[in-house]
């Protein structure tokens, strides 16, 4: 299971079963976002913290990860097209 699949599909499961039931996946997501979302990564891996803090951190980490993926895809498309590109954000 890749980080992208985890970030997209884990939300409903976390809400139903809790973060402790999916500790390994939550820890992997925290490791994946630590470089660009350090606060979210810290909250995700703080098992002494509250469940709501980890769920909120999951949402922040997911958004940051998906943004990084979109930026990487836009950059790859720009390189493939041989020109600069930009991404519109609604």
Protein backbone atom coordinates (compact mmCIF):
# COMPACT_ATOMS: atom_id res chain seq x y z
CA UNK A 1 0.00 0.00 0.00
CA UNK A 2 1.48 3.34 -1.01
CA UNK A 3 1.32 6.51 1.04
CA UNK A 4 -0.98 8.10 -1.55
CA UNK A 5 -3.52 5.28 -1.27
CA UNK A 6 -3.30 5.44 2.53
CA UNK A 7 -3.87 9.20 2.55
CA UNK A 8 -6.89 8.94 0.26
CA UNK A 9 -8.62 5.90 1.74
CA UNK A 10 -7.85 5.91 5.46
CA UNK A 11 -10.11 8.78 6.60
CA UNK A 12 -13.43 6.98 6.98
CA UNK A 13 -11.69 4.00 8.55
CA UNK A 14 -9.90 6.20 11.08
CA UNK A 15 -13.16 7.90 12.01
CA UNK A 16 -14.83 4.54 12.64
CA UNK A 17 -12.01 2.51 14.17
CA UNK A 18 -9.67 5.14 15.61
CA UNK A 19 -6.03 5.90 14.96
CA UNK A 20 -4.69 3.30 17.40
CA UNK A 21 -6.22 0.54 15.27
CA UNK A 22 -4.14 1.79 12.32
CA UNK A 23 -1.03 2.88 14.15
CA UNK A 24 1.38 1.54 11.51
CA UNK A 25 -0.30 3.46 8.67
CA UNK A 26 -0.53 6.64 10.76
CA UNK A 27 3.16 6.38 11.66
CA UNK A 28 4.09 5.89 7.98
CA UNK A 29 2.09 8.97 7.01
CA UNK A 30 3.79 10.96 9.79
CA UNK A 31 7.20 9.87 8.48
CA UNK A 32 6.22 10.82 4.92
CA UNK A 33 5.18 14.38 5.82
CA UNK A 34 7.73 15.14 8.56
CA UNK A 35 9.91 17.23 6.21
CA UNK A 36 7.19 19.62 5.05
CA UNK A 37 4.47 19.35 7.73
CA UNK A 38 6.44 18.79 10.95
CA UNK A 39 3.63 19.86 13.29
CA UNK A 40 1.16 17.46 11.75
CA UNK A 41 3.75 14.69 11.83
CA UNK A 42 4.44 15.31 15.51
CA UNK A 43 0.73 15.28 16.39
CA UNK A 44 0.13 12.12 14.34
CA UNK A 45 2.81 10.25 16.23
CA UNK A 46 1.94 11.63 19.69
CA UNK A 47 0.23 8.61 21.21
CA UNK A 48 -0.07 10.38 24.56
CA UNK A 49 -2.19 13.06 22.87
CA UNK A 50 -5.91 13.01 22.21
CA UNK A 51 -7.63 11.10 19.43
CA UNK A 52 -9.12 14.30 18.01
CA UNK A 53 -5.64 15.83 17.77
CA UNK A 54 -4.42 12.87 15.74
CA UNK A 55 -7.51 12.97 13.49
CA UNK A 56 -7.02 16.68 12.84
CA UNK A 57 -3.32 16.11 12.19
CA UNK A 58 -4.24 13.36 9.74
CA UNK A 59 -6.39 15.84 7.79
CA UNK A 60 -3.57 18.39 7.69
CA UNK A 61 -0.99 15.77 6.72
CA UNK A 62 -3.26 14.36 4.01
CA UNK A 63 -3.82 17.81 2.50
CA UNK A 64 -0.10 18.61 2.58
CA UNK A 65 0.80 15.27 1.02
CA UNK A 66 -1.78 15.59 -1.76
CA UNK A 67 -0.56 19.12 -2.50
CA UNK A 68 3.02 17.85 -2.79
CA UNK A 69 1.87 15.09 -5.14
CA UNK A 70 -0.03 17.60 -7.30
CA UNK A 71 2.99 19.91 -7.43
CA UNK A 72 5.25 17.03 -8.46
CA UNK A 73 2.83 16.00 -11.20
CA UNK A 74 2.60 19.58 -12.50
CA UNK A 75 6.38 19.83 -12.55
CA UNK A 76 6.69 16.53 -14.40
CA UNK A 77 4.14 17.68 -16.97
CA UNK A 78 5.98 20.96 -17.44
CA UNK A 79 9.26 19.13 -18.03
CA UNK A 80 7.58 16.72 -20.44
CA UNK A 81 6.01 19.59 -22.36
CA UNK A 82 9.28 21.49 -22.44
CA UNK A 83 7.81 24.63 -20.92
CA UNK A 84 6.95 26.17 -17.61
CA UNK A 85 3.57 25.39 -16.11
CA UNK A 86 1.43 26.63 -13.31
CA UNK A 87 -1.37 25.10 -11.30
CA UNK A 88 -4.60 26.94 -10.60
CA UNK A 89 -5.86 26.66 -7.07
CA UNK A 90 -9.55 27.24 -6.44
